Amino acid sequence: MDQVFIVAIMITMLFSLSKVIEIKYFSGDEEKPLKEMVRDAILVLVSSITGSYIYFYFHTYITDFFNVVTETKVLNTATTQVFTDGPGF
């Protein structure tokens, strides 16, 4: 769950920084009020938390889906167990 918040905060910070740079250097006469910038940042934060949560929660299903779509033969080592030691009897 920590990964979701870290990714969401990084995305929000990058978005806010790009908005400030856009307003400061690329925008002509129009100044955007701080209220709208905060509202946009909160919207990006909520959207990125939701998207990150969905991605991390369904990561194995997404990987399996793309393996089927691309016809990639992948052995999932997390579920495959191999006996490699000598017998205990």
C-alpha atoms as a PDB file:
ATOM      1  CA  MET A   1       0.000   0.000   0.000  1.00  0.00           C
ATOM      2  CA  ASP A   2       2.954   2.314   0.604  1.00  0.00           C
ATOM      3  CA  GLN A   3       3.952   1.957  -3.043  1.00  0.00           C
ATOM      4  CA  VAL A   4       0.574   3.298  -4.117  1.00  0.00           C
ATOM      5  CA  PHE A   5       1.003   6.494  -2.115  1.00  0.00           C
ATOM      6  CA  ILE A   6       4.626   6.990  -3.162  1.00  0.00           C
ATOM      7  CA  VAL A   7       3.741   6.662  -6.847  1.00  0.00           C
ATOM      8  CA  ALA A   8       0.706   8.930  -6.457  1.00  0.00           C
ATOM      9  CA  ILE A   9       2.662  11.642  -4.634  1.00  0.00           C
ATOM     10  CA  MET A  10       5.442  11.545  -7.226  1.00  0.00           C
ATOM     11  CA  ILE A  11       2.932  11.880 -10.065  1.00  0.00           C
ATOM     12  CA  THR A  12       1.188  14.772  -8.304  1.00  0.00           C
ATOM     13  CA  MET A  13       4.461  16.579  -7.643  1.00  0.00           C
ATOM     14  CA  LEU A  14       5.542  16.207 -11.274  1.00  0.00           C
ATOM     15  CA  PHE A  15       2.152  17.438 -12.465  1.00  0.00           C
ATOM     16  CA  SER A  16       2.248  20.463 -10.153  1.00  0.00           C
ATOM     17  CA  LEU A  17       5.805  21.322 -11.193  1.00  0.00           C
ATOM     18  CA  SER A  18       4.898  21.085 -14.869  1.00  0.00           C
ATOM     19  CA  LYS A  19       1.860  23.327 -14.301  1.00  0.00           C
ATOM     20  CA  VAL A  20       3.972  25.957 -12.551  1.00  0.00           C
ATOM     21  CA  ILE A  21       6.533  25.872 -15.370  1.00  0.00           C
ATOM     22  CA  GLU A  22       3.786  26.073 -17.974  1.00  0.00           C
ATOM     23  CA  ILE A  23       2.160  29.093 -16.327  1.00  0.00           C
ATOM     24  CA  LYS A  24       5.435  30.856 -15.652  1.00  0.00           C
ATOM     25  CA  TYR A  25       7.164  30.388 -19.014  1.00  0.00           C
ATOM     26  CA  PHE A  26       4.717  29.248 -21.679  1.00  0.00           C
ATOM     27  CA  SER A  27       1.498  31.003 -20.773  1.00  0.00           C
ATOM     28  CA  GLY A  28       1.025  34.445 -22.240  1.00  0.00           C
ATOM     29  CA  ASP A  29      -1.151  36.920 -20.350  1.00  0.00           C
ATOM     30  CA  GLU A  30      -3.395  34.426 -18.614  1.00  0.00           C
ATOM     31  CA  GLU A  31      -2.621  33.677 -14.966  1.00  0.00           C
ATOM     32  CA  LYS A  32      -4.287  30.667 -13.388  1.00  0.00           C
ATOM     33  CA  PRO A  33      -5.538  31.178  -9.836  1.00  0.00           C
ATOM     34  CA  LEU A  34      -4.036  29.106  -7.042  1.00  0.00           C
ATOM     35  CA  LYS A  35      -7.461  27.676  -6.231  1.00  0.00           C
ATOM     36  CA  GLU A  36      -7.699  25.996  -9.644  1.00  0.00           C
ATOM     37  CA  MET A  37      -4.146  24.660  -9.423  1.00  0.00           C
ATOM     38  CA  VAL A  38      -4.846  23.062  -6.034  1.00  0.00           C
ATOM     39  CA  ARG A  39      -8.085  21.569  -7.338  1.00  0.00           C
ATOM     40  CA  ASP A  40      -6.241  20.107 -10.345  1.00  0.00           C
ATOM     41  CA  ALA A  41      -3.493  18.721  -8.092  1.00  0.00           C
ATOM     42  CA  ILE A  42      -6.051  17.040  -5.813  1.00  0.00           C
ATOM     43  CA  LEU A  43      -7.804  15.549  -8.839  1.00  0.00           C
ATOM     44  CA  VAL A  44      -4.485  14.181 -10.131  1.00  0.00           C
ATOM     45  CA  LEU A  45      -3.645  12.784  -6.673  1.00  0.00           C
ATOM     46  CA  VAL A  46      -6.961  10.934  -6.366  1.00  0.00           C
ATOM     47  CA  SER A  47      -6.729   9.645  -9.939  1.00  0.00           C
ATOM     48  CA  SER A  48      -3.169   8.417  -9.510  1.00  0.00           C
ATOM     49  CA  ILE A  49      -3.950   6.722  -6.176  1.00  0.00           C
ATOM     50  CA  THR A  50      -6.887   4.935  -7.803  1.00  0.00           C
ATOM     51  CA  GLY A  51      -4.891   3.937 -10.878  1.00  0.00           C
ATOM     52  CA  SER A  52      -1.885   2.776  -8.852  1.00  0.00           C
ATOM     53  CA  TYR A  53      -4.073   0.764  -6.491  1.00  0.00           C
ATOM     54  CA  ILE A  54      -5.797  -0.959  -9.387  1.00  0.00           C
ATOM     55  CA  TYR A  55      -2.458  -1.698 -11.064  1.00  0.00           C
ATOM     56  CA  PHE A  56      -0.745  -3.094  -7.958  1.00  0.00           C
ATOM     57  CA  TYR A  57      -3.820  -5.071  -6.872  1.00  0.00           C
ATOM     58  CA  PHE A  58      -4.346  -6.702 -10.282  1.00  0.00           C
ATOM     59  CA  HIS A  59      -0.668  -6.909 -11.319  1.00  0.00           C
ATOM     60  CA  THR A  60      -0.616 -10.694 -11.760  1.00  0.00           C
ATOM     61  CA  TYR A  61      -3.851 -10.684 -13.748  1.00  0.00           C
ATOM     62  CA  ILE A  62      -2.576  -7.900 -15.993  1.00  0.00           C
ATOM     63  CA  THR A  63       0.708  -9.748 -16.574  1.00  0.00           C
ATOM     64  CA  ASP A  64      -1.108 -12.987 -17.372  1.00  0.00           C
ATOM     65  CA  PHE A  65      -3.445 -11.156 -19.759  1.00  0.00           C
ATOM     66  CA  PHE A  66      -0.575  -9.564 -21.682  1.00  0.00           C
ATOM     67  CA  ASN A  67       1.262 -12.901 -21.809  1.00  0.00           C
ATOM     68  CA  VAL A  68      -1.801 -14.392 -23.497  1.00  0.00           C
ATOM     69  CA  VAL A  69      -2.199 -11.443 -25.859  1.00  0.00           C
ATOM     70  CA  THR A  70       1.463 -11.442 -26.908  1.00  0.00           C
ATOM     71  CA  GLU A  71       1.670 -15.257 -26.829  1.00  0.00           C
ATOM     72  CA  THR A  72       4.668 -15.107 -24.506  1.00  0.00           C
ATOM     73  CA  LYS A  73       5.459 -18.349 -22.740  1.00  0.00           C
ATOM     74  CA  VAL A  74       6.396 -17.312 -19.194  1.00  0.00           C
ATOM     75  CA  LEU A  75       7.005 -19.631 -16.288  1.00  0.00           C
ATOM     76  CA  ASN A  76       5.814 -18.092 -13.048  1.00  0.00           C
ATOM     77  CA  THR A  77       8.595 -18.925 -10.588  1.00  0.00           C
ATOM     78  CA  ALA A  78       6.572 -17.804  -7.588  1.00  0.00           C
ATOM     79  CA  THR A  79       4.117 -20.676  -7.978  1.00  0.00           C
ATOM     80  CA  THR A  80       6.549 -23.283  -9.351  1.00  0.00           C
ATOM     81  CA  GLN A  81       8.310 -25.253  -6.622  1.00  0.00           C
ATOM     82  CA  VAL A  82      11.180 -27.616  -7.346  1.00  0.00           C
ATOM     83  CA  PHE A  83      12.756 -30.114  -4.967  1.00  0.00           C
ATOM     84  CA  THR A  84      16.528 -29.548  -5.205  1.00  0.00           C
ATOM     85  CA  ASP A  85      17.895 -31.059  -1.995  1.00  0.00           C
ATOM     86  CA  GLY A  86      18.673 -34.613  -1.086  1.00  0.00           C
ATOM     87  CA  PRO A  87      15.854 -36.775   0.225  1.00  0.00           C
ATOM     88  CA  GLY A  88      15.327 -36.618   3.958  1.00  0.00           C
ATOM     89  CA  PHE A  89      14.820 -40.351   4.450  1.00  0.00           C
END
